Amino acid sequence: MSSQSISELQTVDMKKCMPVASNMLTIGLAMLQGARHEHMHSLFQAAESLELEIEIRELRKSSDVEGIDALVLPGVESTAMRIASRSEDLYSAIWELIENKKIPVLGTCAGAILLSQQGLIDTKIERNAFGRQRESFQSEIDVELNGQSKFQGVFIRAPRFTKGSKSPIAWLDNEIVGVLENNIMALTFHPELTDDLKFHAWLLNEASE
């Protein structure tokens, strides 16, 4: 057998041993404050139900946003989020990524506030509009996302949309508490604090497409 034939066989054998390209999704999660671990749990549970492979990348500095397929902005006091991120310019990198790459985004509570403040959604929002911590509550809301359904919304120092949206998806009685504008979902409640995975499943489905 010629040396060329041996080389060709070795190349074929090596190709057989090489791993197939992964279809794993990389979901970015801003890790400054908020219910980060609850979001992680919900994302992994949703991925399992959808039979998707995901990895969750903890976003702590601007370079961490490179290559993510979707983004979660958790809820916490929005001023604290901005102050904590200044040293690493994390949020400026996040805003640039959302505008340029059009990745799907899920922003909850203060995450929704930041999206509105940055002009990434048209719907305006007011901080702590439902009252302070002691006024936190849980209530059934109506959701229209891939059909109509009910959802137990958890409102903690919740903001409030201050004008009507052209793209509402969730209502507390007649009040809009969730909007979906293009690829960005903004919610004034905390879906990660329930066992209902519909909002995290939406994010993963959008990323997989």
N, C-alpha and C. Protein backbone atom coordinates (compact mmCIF):
# COMPACT_ATOMS: atom_id res chain seq x y z
N MET A 1 0.86 -1.21 0.00
CA MET A 1 0.00 0.00 0.00
C MET A 1 0.88 1.24 0.00
N SER A 2 0.55 2.22 -0.83
CA SER A 2 1.37 3.42 -0.95
C SER A 2 1.20 4.30 0.27
N SER A 3 2.20 5.15 0.49
CA SER A 3 2.13 6.08 1.62
C SER A 3 0.96 7.03 1.47
N GLN A 4 0.59 7.37 0.21
CA GLN A 4 -0.53 8.26 -0.03
C GLN A 4 -1.83 7.61 0.41
N SER A 5 -1.98 6.29 0.12
CA SER A 5 -3.19 5.58 0.51
C SER A 5 -3.31 5.50 2.01
N ILE A 6 -2.20 5.24 2.69
CA ILE A 6 -2.21 5.19 4.15
C ILE A 6 -2.63 6.53 4.72
N SER A 7 -2.11 7.61 4.15
CA SER A 7 -2.47 8.95 4.61
C SER A 7 -3.96 9.21 4.44
N GLU A 8 -4.51 8.75 3.29
CA GLU A 8 -5.94 8.95 3.05
C GLU A 8 -6.77 8.18 4.05
N LEU A 9 -6.36 6.93 4.37
CA LEU A 9 -7.09 6.13 5.34
C LEU A 9 -7.05 6.77 6.72
N GLN A 10 -5.88 7.30 7.09
CA GLN A 10 -5.74 7.96 8.39
C GLN A 10 -6.68 9.17 8.47
N THR A 11 -6.80 9.90 7.34
CA THR A 11 -7.69 11.06 7.33
C THR A 11 -9.13 10.65 7.52
N VAL A 12 -9.53 9.55 6.85
CA VAL A 12 -10.90 9.05 7.00
C VAL A 12 -11.16 8.62 8.44
N ASP A 13 -10.19 7.89 9.06
CA ASP A 13 -10.36 7.43 10.43
C ASP A 13 -10.48 8.60 11.39
N MET A 14 -9.67 9.64 11.17
CA MET A 14 -9.73 10.81 12.03
C MET A 14 -11.08 11.49 11.92
N LYS A 15 -11.63 11.56 10.71
CA LYS A 15 -12.94 12.19 10.52
C LYS A 15 -14.02 11.43 11.28
N LYS A 16 -13.89 10.09 11.31
CA LYS A 16 -14.87 9.28 12.04
C LYS A 16 -14.84 9.59 13.53
N CYS A 17 -13.65 9.91 14.02
CA CYS A 17 -13.49 10.16 15.46
C CYS A 17 -13.85 11.58 15.85
N MET A 18 -13.96 12.49 14.88
CA MET A 18 -14.24 13.88 15.21
C MET A 18 -15.69 14.04 15.64
N PRO A 19 -15.95 14.86 16.70
CA PRO A 19 -17.32 15.05 17.16
C PRO A 19 -18.16 15.80 16.14
N VAL A 20 -19.45 15.45 16.08
CA VAL A 20 -20.38 16.17 15.22
C VAL A 20 -20.62 17.56 15.81
N ALA A 21 -20.77 18.56 14.96
CA ALA A 21 -20.99 19.93 15.43
C ALA A 21 -22.19 19.99 16.37
N SER A 22 -22.05 20.68 17.46
CA SER A 22 -23.09 20.74 18.48
C SER A 22 -24.15 21.77 18.11
N ASN A 23 -25.43 21.44 18.43
CA ASN A 23 -26.52 22.38 18.24
C ASN A 23 -26.89 23.05 19.57
N MET A 24 -26.01 23.00 20.52
CA MET A 24 -26.30 23.56 21.84
C MET A 24 -26.48 25.06 21.77
N LEU A 25 -27.49 25.55 22.48
CA LEU A 25 -27.75 26.98 22.57
C LEU A 25 -27.01 27.57 23.77
N THR A 26 -26.51 28.76 23.61
CA THR A 26 -25.87 29.47 24.71
C THR A 26 -26.77 30.62 25.15
N ILE A 27 -27.27 30.53 26.38
CA ILE A 27 -28.19 31.53 26.91
C ILE A 27 -27.43 32.41 27.91
N GLY A 28 -27.40 33.69 27.64
CA GLY A 28 -26.73 34.63 28.53
C GLY A 28 -27.65 35.06 29.66
N LEU A 29 -27.13 35.07 30.88
CA LEU A 29 -27.89 35.48 32.06
C LEU A 29 -27.09 36.52 32.83
N ALA A 30 -27.62 37.74 32.89
CA ALA A 30 -26.94 38.79 33.65
C ALA A 30 -26.89 38.41 35.12
N MET A 31 -25.69 38.41 35.70
CA MET A 31 -25.50 37.81 37.02
C MET A 31 -25.27 38.83 38.13
N LEU A 32 -25.68 40.05 37.94
CA LEU A 32 -25.36 41.06 38.96
C LEU A 32 -26.21 40.90 40.20
N GLN A 33 -27.51 40.80 40.05
CA GLN A 33 -28.39 40.61 41.19
C GLN A 33 -29.65 39.93 40.69
N GLY A 34 -30.62 39.73 41.57
CA GLY A 34 -31.91 39.21 41.14
C GLY A 34 -32.00 37.71 41.27
N ALA A 35 -33.13 37.16 40.81
CA ALA A 35 -33.42 35.73 40.95
C ALA A 35 -32.70 34.94 39.87
N ARG A 36 -31.38 35.01 39.89
CA ARG A 36 -30.58 34.40 38.83
C ARG A 36 -30.73 32.88 38.83
N HIS A 37 -30.61 32.27 40.00
CA HIS A 37 -30.63 30.81 40.07
C HIS A 37 -32.00 30.25 39.74
N GLU A 38 -33.05 30.99 40.06
CA GLU A 38 -34.40 30.57 39.69
C GLU A 38 -34.56 30.60 38.17
N HIS A 39 -34.00 31.62 37.53
CA HIS A 39 -34.03 31.66 36.07
C HIS A 39 -33.26 30.48 35.48
N MET A 40 -32.12 30.16 36.04
CA MET A 40 -31.34 29.01 35.57
C MET A 40 -32.17 27.74 35.63
N HIS A 41 -32.81 27.52 36.77
CA HIS A 41 -33.63 26.32 36.95
C HIS A 41 -34.74 26.28 35.90
N SER A 42 -35.42 27.39 35.70
CA SER A 42 -36.51 27.42 34.73
C SER A 42 -36.00 27.17 33.31
N LEU A 43 -34.85 27.73 32.98
CA LEU A 43 -34.29 27.53 31.65
C LEU A 43 -33.93 26.07 31.41
N PHE A 44 -33.30 25.43 32.38
CA PHE A 44 -32.93 24.02 32.22
C PHE A 44 -34.17 23.13 32.15
N GLN A 45 -35.19 23.44 32.94
CA GLN A 45 -36.43 22.67 32.90
C GLN A 45 -37.12 22.85 31.55
N ALA A 46 -37.17 24.07 31.05
CA ALA A 46 -37.79 24.32 29.76
C ALA A 46 -37.02 23.62 28.64
N ALA A 47 -35.70 23.67 28.72
CA ALA A 47 -34.88 23.00 27.70
C ALA A 47 -35.14 21.49 27.69
N GLU A 48 -35.27 20.91 28.87
CA GLU A 48 -35.55 19.47 28.95
C GLU A 48 -36.90 19.14 28.33
N SER A 49 -37.91 19.97 28.59
CA SER A 49 -39.24 19.71 28.04
C SER A 49 -39.26 19.86 26.53
N LEU A 50 -38.40 20.72 26.00
CA LEU A 50 -38.33 20.96 24.56
C LEU A 50 -37.30 20.07 23.88
N GLU A 51 -36.60 19.27 24.66
CA GLU A 51 -35.53 18.40 24.15
C GLU A 51 -34.45 19.21 23.43
N LEU A 52 -34.07 20.30 24.08
CA LEU A 52 -32.99 21.15 23.58
C LEU A 52 -31.79 21.07 24.51
N GLU A 53 -30.62 21.21 23.94
CA GLU A 53 -29.39 21.29 24.74
C GLU A 53 -29.03 22.75 24.91
N ILE A 54 -28.81 23.16 26.15
CA ILE A 54 -28.40 24.54 26.39
C ILE A 54 -27.25 24.58 27.38
N GLU A 55 -26.52 25.67 27.30
CA GLU A 55 -25.60 26.04 28.35
C GLU A 55 -25.95 27.47 28.77
N ILE A 56 -25.81 27.76 30.04
CA ILE A 56 -26.10 29.10 30.53
C ILE A 56 -24.78 29.79 30.85
N ARG A 57 -24.57 30.91 30.20
CA ARG A 57 -23.35 31.67 30.43
C ARG A 57 -23.65 32.83 31.38
N GLU A 58 -22.92 32.89 32.46
CA GLU A 58 -23.09 33.95 33.44
C GLU A 58 -22.40 35.22 32.93
N LEU A 59 -23.18 36.26 32.72
CA LEU A 59 -22.65 37.50 32.16
C LEU A 59 -22.22 38.43 33.28
N ARG A 60 -20.93 38.65 33.39
CA ARG A 60 -20.37 39.51 34.43
C ARG A 60 -19.55 40.66 33.86
N LYS A 61 -19.05 40.50 32.65
CA LYS A 61 -18.26 41.55 32.01
C LYS A 61 -18.59 41.59 30.53
N SER A 62 -18.18 42.65 29.88
CA SER A 62 -18.62 42.91 28.51
C SER A 62 -18.23 41.79 27.55
N SER A 63 -17.08 41.19 27.73
CA SER A 63 -16.63 40.14 26.80
C SER A 63 -17.48 38.88 26.90
N ASP A 64 -18.23 38.72 27.97
CA ASP A 64 -19.04 37.51 28.16
C ASP A 64 -20.21 37.43 27.19
N VAL A 65 -20.61 38.55 26.60
CA VAL A 65 -21.81 38.54 25.75
C VAL A 65 -21.53 37.98 24.36
N GLU A 66 -20.28 37.82 24.00
CA GLU A 66 -19.94 37.37 22.66
C GLU A 66 -20.48 35.96 22.40
N GLY A 67 -21.26 35.82 21.34
CA GLY A 67 -21.69 34.51 20.90
C GLY A 67 -22.92 33.93 21.58
N ILE A 68 -23.62 34.69 22.42
CA ILE A 68 -24.81 34.14 23.06
C ILE A 68 -25.98 34.15 22.07
N ASP A 69 -26.90 33.18 22.25
CA ASP A 69 -28.04 33.03 21.34
C ASP A 69 -29.31 33.68 21.87
N ALA A 70 -29.36 33.94 23.16
CA ALA A 70 -30.53 34.58 23.78
C ALA A 70 -30.07 35.17 25.11
N LEU A 71 -30.94 36.02 25.68
CA LEU A 71 -30.53 36.77 26.88
C LEU A 71 -31.67 36.86 27.88
N VAL A 72 -31.33 36.71 29.16
CA VAL A 72 -32.27 36.94 30.25
C VAL A 72 -31.75 38.08 31.11
N LEU A 73 -32.61 39.09 31.32
CA LEU A 73 -32.32 40.18 32.25
C LEU A 73 -33.21 40.00 33.46
N PRO A 74 -32.69 39.55 34.59
CA PRO A 74 -33.52 39.25 35.76
C PRO A 74 -33.99 40.51 36.46
N GLY A 75 -34.92 40.35 37.36
CA GLY A 75 -35.47 41.48 38.09
C GLY A 75 -34.75 41.74 39.39
N VAL A 76 -34.38 42.97 39.59
CA VAL A 76 -33.83 43.46 40.86
C VAL A 76 -33.92 44.98 40.76
N GLU A 77 -33.52 45.68 41.78
CA GLU A 77 -33.59 47.15 41.74
C GLU A 77 -32.72 47.66 40.59
N SER A 78 -33.34 48.38 39.65
CA SER A 78 -32.67 48.70 38.40
C SER A 78 -31.49 49.64 38.56
N THR A 79 -31.55 50.58 39.50
CA THR A 79 -30.42 51.48 39.73
C THR A 79 -29.20 50.70 40.21
N ALA A 80 -29.42 49.74 41.09
CA ALA A 80 -28.32 48.90 41.57
C ALA A 80 -27.69 48.11 40.44
N MET A 81 -28.51 47.65 39.49
CA MET A 81 -27.98 46.90 38.36
C MET A 81 -27.06 47.77 37.53
N ARG A 82 -27.46 49.00 37.27
CA ARG A 82 -26.64 49.89 36.44
C ARG A 82 -25.33 50.24 37.14
N ILE A 83 -25.40 50.56 38.42
CA ILE A 83 -24.20 50.94 39.17
C ILE A 83 -23.21 49.79 39.22
N ALA A 84 -23.71 48.60 39.49
CA ALA A 84 -22.83 47.44 39.62
C ALA A 84 -22.15 47.08 38.31
N SER A 85 -22.75 47.45 37.19
CA SER A 85 -22.20 47.05 35.89
C SER A 85 -21.22 48.06 35.30
N ARG A 86 -21.08 49.23 35.88
CA ARG A 86 -20.29 50.29 35.23
C ARG A 86 -18.83 49.90 35.02
N SER A 87 -18.23 49.23 36.02
CA SER A 87 -16.80 48.97 35.95
C SER A 87 -16.44 48.06 34.79
N GLU A 88 -17.34 47.19 34.39
CA GLU A 88 -17.04 46.25 33.31
C GLU A 88 -17.76 46.60 32.01
N ASP A 89 -18.54 47.67 32.00
CA ASP A 89 -19.27 48.07 30.80
C ASP A 89 -20.16 46.94 30.27
N LEU A 90 -20.65 46.10 31.19
CA LEU A 90 -21.46 44.96 30.77
C LEU A 90 -22.71 45.40 30.03
N TYR A 91 -23.44 46.34 30.61
CA TYR A 91 -24.72 46.66 30.01
C TYR A 91 -24.60 47.39 28.69
N SER A 92 -23.57 48.20 28.50
CA SER A 92 -23.39 48.83 27.19
C SER A 92 -23.16 47.77 26.12
N ALA A 93 -22.44 46.70 26.47
CA ALA A 93 -22.23 45.60 25.53
C ALA A 93 -23.53 44.86 25.27
N ILE A 94 -24.36 44.71 26.31
CA ILE A 94 -25.65 44.04 26.15
C ILE A 94 -26.56 44.83 25.21
N TRP A 95 -26.65 46.14 25.43
CA TRP A 95 -27.53 46.95 24.57
C TRP A 95 -27.07 46.90 23.12
N GLU A 96 -25.78 46.97 22.92
CA GLU A 96 -25.25 46.91 21.56
C GLU A 96 -25.57 45.57 20.91
N LEU A 97 -25.44 44.49 21.67
CA LEU A 97 -25.74 43.16 21.15
C LEU A 97 -27.20 43.04 20.75
N ILE A 98 -28.11 43.52 21.61
CA ILE A 98 -29.54 43.42 21.32
C ILE A 98 -29.88 44.19 20.04
N GLU A 99 -29.32 45.37 19.89
CA GLU A 99 -29.62 46.20 18.72
C GLU A 99 -29.03 45.61 17.44
N ASN A 100 -27.81 45.08 17.52
CA ASN A 100 -27.13 44.64 16.31
C ASN A 100 -27.46 43.21 15.91
N LYS A 101 -27.60 42.31 16.88
CA LYS A 101 -27.79 40.90 16.59
C LYS A 101 -29.24 40.46 16.63
N LYS A 102 -30.12 41.27 17.25
CA LYS A 102 -31.56 40.96 17.30
C LYS A 102 -31.84 39.61 17.95
N ILE A 103 -31.06 39.26 18.98
CA ILE A 103 -31.30 37.99 19.67
C ILE A 103 -32.56 38.10 20.52
N PRO A 104 -33.24 36.99 20.82
CA PRO A 104 -34.40 37.05 21.70
C PRO A 104 -34.00 37.40 23.13
N VAL A 105 -34.85 38.19 23.78
CA VAL A 105 -34.54 38.71 25.12
C VAL A 105 -35.77 38.52 26.01
N LEU A 106 -35.53 38.09 27.24
CA LEU A 106 -36.57 38.04 28.27
C LEU A 106 -36.14 38.94 29.41
N GLY A 107 -36.88 40.03 29.63
CA GLY A 107 -36.59 40.95 30.72
C GLY A 107 -37.72 40.94 31.72
N THR A 108 -37.42 40.66 32.98
CA THR A 108 -38.45 40.56 34.01
C THR A 108 -38.27 41.65 35.06
N CYS A 109 -39.37 42.30 35.42
CA CYS A 109 -39.39 43.32 36.47
C CYS A 109 -38.36 44.41 36.15
N ALA A 110 -37.28 44.53 36.91
CA ALA A 110 -36.29 45.57 36.64
C ALA A 110 -35.63 45.38 35.27
N GLY A 111 -35.55 44.14 34.81
CA GLY A 111 -35.03 43.90 33.46
C GLY A 111 -35.90 44.58 32.43
N ALA A 112 -37.23 44.56 32.65
CA ALA A 112 -38.16 45.26 31.77
C ALA A 112 -37.95 46.77 31.84
N ILE A 113 -37.67 47.28 33.05
CA ILE A 113 -37.41 48.71 33.21
C ILE A 113 -36.20 49.13 32.38
N LEU A 114 -35.13 48.38 32.45
CA LEU A 114 -33.91 48.72 31.71
C LEU A 114 -34.16 48.69 30.21
N LEU A 115 -34.92 47.71 29.73
CA LEU A 115 -35.22 47.64 28.31
C LEU A 115 -35.98 48.88 27.85
N SER A 116 -36.92 49.35 28.69
CA SER A 116 -37.68 50.55 28.35
C SER A 116 -36.80 51.79 28.42
N GLN A 117 -36.00 51.89 29.47
CA GLN A 117 -35.12 53.05 29.62
C GLN A 117 -34.14 53.20 28.46
N GLN A 118 -33.70 52.08 27.91
CA GLN A 118 -32.75 52.11 26.81
C GLN A 118 -33.43 52.28 25.45
N GLY A 119 -34.75 52.37 25.44
CA GLY A 119 -35.47 52.53 24.19
C GLY A 119 -35.51 51.27 23.35
N LEU A 120 -35.25 50.12 23.97
CA LEU A 120 -35.27 48.86 23.24
C LEU A 120 -36.68 48.30 23.10
N ILE A 121 -37.60 48.79 23.95
CA ILE A 121 -39.03 48.58 23.72
C ILE A 121 -39.69 49.95 23.73
N ASP A 122 -40.80 50.08 23.00
CA ASP A 122 -41.49 51.37 22.91
C ASP A 122 -42.34 51.65 24.14
N THR A 123 -42.80 50.60 24.82
CA THR A 123 -43.72 50.77 25.94
C THR A 123 -43.00 51.39 27.13
N LYS A 124 -43.55 52.48 27.66
CA LYS A 124 -42.96 53.17 28.80
C LYS A 124 -43.34 52.46 30.10
N ILE A 125 -42.51 52.65 31.13
CA ILE A 125 -42.70 51.91 32.37
C ILE A 125 -42.35 52.79 33.56
N GLU A 126 -43.00 52.52 34.69
CA GLU A 126 -42.78 53.29 35.92
C GLU A 126 -42.32 52.34 37.03
N ARG A 127 -41.26 52.70 37.71
CA ARG A 127 -40.69 51.85 38.77
C ARG A 127 -41.60 51.80 40.00
N ASN A 128 -41.62 50.63 40.68
CA ASN A 128 -42.30 50.44 41.96
C ASN A 128 -43.74 50.95 41.96
N ALA A 129 -44.41 50.88 40.83
CA ALA A 129 -45.74 51.48 40.70
C ALA A 129 -46.82 50.73 41.47
N PHE A 130 -46.57 49.45 41.75
CA PHE A 130 -47.54 48.66 42.51
C PHE A 130 -47.32 48.79 44.02
N GLY A 131 -46.31 49.55 44.43
CA GLY A 131 -46.03 49.70 45.85
C GLY A 131 -44.71 49.07 46.24
N ARG A 132 -44.38 49.14 47.51
CA ARG A 132 -43.11 48.65 48.01
C ARG A 132 -43.19 47.16 48.32
N GLN A 133 -42.17 46.62 48.96
CA GLN A 133 -42.05 45.18 49.19
C GLN A 133 -43.29 44.61 49.87
N ARG A 134 -43.84 45.31 50.84
CA ARG A 134 -44.98 44.77 51.59
C ARG A 134 -46.24 44.70 50.74
N GLU A 135 -46.27 45.42 49.60
CA GLU A 135 -47.41 45.36 48.70
C GLU A 135 -47.23 44.28 47.62
N SER A 136 -46.22 43.45 47.74
CA SER A 136 -46.02 42.37 46.78
C SER A 136 -47.18 41.39 46.86
N PHE A 137 -47.50 40.77 45.73
CA PHE A 137 -48.66 39.88 45.71
C PHE A 137 -48.54 38.89 44.56
N GLN A 138 -49.42 37.89 44.58
CA GLN A 138 -49.52 36.91 43.52
C GLN A 138 -50.96 36.88 43.04
N SER A 139 -51.14 36.84 41.72
CA SER A 139 -52.50 36.88 41.18
C SER A 139 -52.53 36.19 39.82
N GLU A 140 -53.67 35.62 39.48
CA GLU A 140 -53.84 34.99 38.18
C GLU A 140 -53.91 36.04 37.09
N ILE A 141 -53.17 35.83 36.03
CA ILE A 141 -53.18 36.74 34.90
C ILE A 141 -53.55 35.97 33.63
N ASP A 142 -54.00 36.70 32.64
CA ASP A 142 -54.32 36.13 31.33
C ASP A 142 -53.13 36.31 30.41
N VAL A 143 -52.82 35.26 29.68
CA VAL A 143 -51.66 35.28 28.78
C VAL A 143 -52.11 34.85 27.39
N GLU A 144 -51.62 35.56 26.39
CA GLU A 144 -51.84 35.18 25.00
C GLU A 144 -50.49 35.01 24.34
N LEU A 145 -50.01 33.78 24.36
CA LEU A 145 -48.70 33.43 23.82
C LEU A 145 -48.80 32.01 23.29
N ASN A 146 -48.83 31.86 21.97
CA ASN A 146 -49.10 30.55 21.37
C ASN A 146 -50.42 29.99 21.88
N GLY A 147 -51.45 30.83 21.88
CA GLY A 147 -52.74 30.47 22.42
C GLY A 147 -53.00 31.19 23.73
N GLN A 148 -54.20 31.06 24.23
CA GLN A 148 -54.60 31.72 25.47
C GLN A 148 -54.44 30.78 26.66
N SER A 149 -54.02 31.34 27.79
CA SER A 149 -53.84 30.53 28.99
C SER A 149 -53.86 31.43 30.22
N LYS A 150 -53.88 30.80 31.39
CA LYS A 150 -53.78 31.49 32.67
C LYS A 150 -52.37 31.29 33.23
N PHE A 151 -51.96 32.21 34.09
CA PHE A 151 -50.62 32.14 34.68
C PHE A 151 -50.68 32.80 36.05
N GLN A 152 -49.97 32.21 37.01
CA GLN A 152 -49.89 32.81 38.35
C GLN A 152 -48.75 33.81 38.38
N GLY A 153 -49.09 35.09 38.25
CA GLY A 153 -48.07 36.13 38.23
C GLY A 153 -47.63 36.53 39.63
N VAL A 154 -46.33 36.58 39.85
CA VAL A 154 -45.76 37.00 41.13
C VAL A 154 -45.21 38.42 40.95
N PHE A 155 -45.77 39.37 41.67
CA PHE A 155 -45.42 40.78 41.53
C PHE A 155 -44.69 41.24 42.80
N ILE A 156 -43.40 41.58 42.67
CA ILE A 156 -42.59 42.00 43.81
C ILE A 156 -42.02 43.38 43.51
N ARG A 157 -42.48 44.40 44.25
CA ARG A 157 -42.07 45.78 43.96
C ARG A 157 -42.17 46.03 42.46
N ALA A 158 -43.28 45.63 41.91
CA ALA A 158 -43.41 45.56 40.45
C ALA A 158 -43.53 46.92 39.80
N PRO A 159 -42.92 47.07 38.64
CA PRO A 159 -43.15 48.28 37.84
C PRO A 159 -44.49 48.19 37.14
N ARG A 160 -44.85 49.24 36.44
CA ARG A 160 -46.14 49.27 35.74
C ARG A 160 -45.94 49.97 34.39
N PHE A 161 -46.47 49.35 33.34
CA PHE A 161 -46.47 50.02 32.04
C PHE A 161 -47.40 51.23 32.11
N THR A 162 -46.90 52.37 31.67
CA THR A 162 -47.64 53.62 31.87
C THR A 162 -48.45 54.04 30.65
N LYS A 163 -48.35 53.32 29.58
CA LYS A 163 -49.20 53.60 28.42
C LYS A 163 -49.47 52.29 27.71
N GLY A 164 -50.50 52.28 26.89
CA GLY A 164 -50.85 51.07 26.18
C GLY A 164 -49.76 50.64 25.22
N SER A 165 -49.66 49.34 25.01
CA SER A 165 -48.69 48.80 24.07
C SER A 165 -49.42 48.23 22.87
N LYS A 166 -48.77 48.28 21.72
CA LYS A 166 -49.33 47.67 20.52
C LYS A 166 -49.13 46.16 20.51
N SER A 167 -48.32 45.67 21.46
CA SER A 167 -47.97 44.24 21.45
C SER A 167 -48.13 43.60 22.82
N PRO A 168 -49.31 43.71 23.47
CA PRO A 168 -49.49 43.09 24.79
C PRO A 168 -49.63 41.58 24.69
N ILE A 169 -49.13 40.88 25.70
CA ILE A 169 -49.30 39.42 25.76
C ILE A 169 -49.80 38.95 27.11
N ALA A 170 -49.84 39.83 28.13
CA ALA A 170 -50.27 39.41 29.47
C ALA A 170 -51.04 40.54 30.14
N TRP A 171 -52.11 40.17 30.85
CA TRP A 171 -52.98 41.15 31.48
C TRP A 171 -53.32 40.74 32.91
N LEU A 172 -53.29 41.68 33.81
CA LEU A 172 -53.83 41.53 35.17
C LEU A 172 -55.15 42.29 35.17
N ASP A 173 -56.26 41.56 35.15
CA ASP A 173 -57.56 42.18 34.88
C ASP A 173 -57.46 42.87 33.52
N ASN A 174 -57.60 44.20 33.47
CA ASN A 174 -57.51 44.89 32.19
C ASN A 174 -56.17 45.60 31.99
N GLU A 175 -55.26 45.42 32.93
CA GLU A 175 -53.98 46.11 32.86
C GLU A 175 -52.92 45.25 32.19
N ILE A 176 -52.19 45.85 31.26
CA ILE A 176 -51.12 45.13 30.58
C ILE A 176 -49.93 44.93 31.52
N VAL A 177 -49.48 43.69 31.67
CA VAL A 177 -48.32 43.39 32.52
C VAL A 177 -47.22 42.65 31.76
N GLY A 178 -47.43 42.44 30.46
CA GLY A 178 -46.41 41.81 29.65
C GLY A 178 -46.54 42.23 28.21
N VAL A 179 -45.41 42.51 27.55
CA VAL A 179 -45.42 42.91 26.15
C VAL A 179 -44.37 42.10 25.39
N LEU A 180 -44.62 41.94 24.11
CA LEU A 180 -43.67 41.28 23.23
C LEU A 180 -43.50 42.16 22.01
N GLU A 181 -42.38 42.83 21.91
CA GLU A 181 -42.09 43.73 20.81
C GLU A 181 -40.95 43.14 19.97
N ASN A 182 -41.33 42.63 18.81
CA ASN A 182 -40.38 41.95 17.93
C ASN A 182 -39.75 40.77 18.68
N ASN A 183 -38.47 40.84 18.97
CA ASN A 183 -37.77 39.72 19.62
C ASN A 183 -37.59 39.93 21.12
N ILE A 184 -38.23 40.95 21.69
CA ILE A 184 -37.99 41.30 23.09
C ILE A 184 -39.28 41.16 23.89
N MET A 185 -39.22 40.34 24.94
CA MET A 185 -40.35 40.17 25.85
C MET A 185 -40.02 40.87 27.17
N ALA A 186 -40.93 41.72 27.62
CA ALA A 186 -40.76 42.45 28.88
C ALA A 186 -41.95 42.17 29.77
N LEU A 187 -41.69 41.70 31.00
CA LEU A 187 -42.74 41.32 31.95
C LEU A 187 -42.54 42.09 33.25
N THR A 188 -43.64 42.56 33.85
CA THR A 188 -43.52 43.27 35.12
C THR A 188 -43.57 42.32 36.32
N PHE A 189 -43.74 41.03 36.06
CA PHE A 189 -43.82 40.02 37.12
C PHE A 189 -42.63 39.06 36.99
N HIS A 190 -42.61 38.04 37.84
CA HIS A 190 -41.47 37.12 37.94
C HIS A 190 -41.88 35.70 37.54
N PRO A 191 -41.76 35.34 36.27
CA PRO A 191 -42.15 33.98 35.85
C PRO A 191 -41.24 32.90 36.41
N GLU A 192 -40.02 33.27 36.78
CA GLU A 192 -39.06 32.29 37.29
C GLU A 192 -39.42 31.78 38.68
N LEU A 193 -40.38 32.43 39.34
CA LEU A 193 -40.78 32.03 40.69
C LEU A 193 -42.00 31.10 40.67
N THR A 194 -42.32 30.58 39.50
CA THR A 194 -43.42 29.62 39.37
C THR A 194 -42.90 28.37 38.66
N ASP A 195 -43.76 27.36 38.58
CA ASP A 195 -43.40 26.12 37.87
C ASP A 195 -43.87 26.14 36.42
N ASP A 196 -44.49 27.23 36.01
CA ASP A 196 -44.97 27.35 34.63
C ASP A 196 -43.84 27.89 33.77
N LEU A 197 -43.47 27.15 32.73
CA LEU A 197 -42.25 27.45 31.97
C LEU A 197 -42.52 28.14 30.64
N LYS A 198 -43.75 28.62 30.40
CA LYS A 198 -44.10 29.09 29.06
C LYS A 198 -43.23 30.24 28.56
N PHE A 199 -42.82 31.14 29.46
CA PHE A 199 -42.04 32.29 28.99
C PHE A 199 -40.59 31.91 28.70
N HIS A 200 -40.03 31.04 29.52
CA HIS A 200 -38.67 30.57 29.25
C HIS A 200 -38.65 29.66 28.03
N ALA A 201 -39.72 28.88 27.84
CA ALA A 201 -39.81 28.04 26.65
C ALA A 201 -39.89 28.90 25.39
N TRP A 202 -40.62 30.01 25.47
CA TRP A 202 -40.66 30.93 24.33
C TRP A 202 -39.26 31.39 23.96
N LEU A 203 -38.48 31.80 24.96
CA LEU A 203 -37.12 32.29 24.71
C LEU A 203 -36.27 31.23 24.01
N LEU A 204 -36.34 30.00 24.49
CA LEU A 204 -35.52 28.94 23.90
C LEU A 204 -36.00 28.58 22.49
N ASN A 205 -37.30 28.57 22.29
CA ASN A 205 -37.81 28.30 20.95
C ASN A 205 -37.35 29.37 19.96
N GLU A 206 -37.40 30.64 20.39
CA GLU A 206 -36.96 31.72 19.52
C GLU A 206 -35.47 31.58 19.20
N ALA A 207 -34.68 31.24 20.22
CA ALA A 207 -33.24 31.09 20.00
C ALA A 207 -32.93 29.93 19.07
N SER A 208 -33.70 28.86 19.17
CA SER A 208 -33.43 27.68 18.34
C SER A 208 -33.79 27.90 16.88
N GLU A 209 -34.66 28.88 16.62
CA GLU A 209 -35.05 29.16 15.24
C GLU A 209 -34.10 30.14 14.56
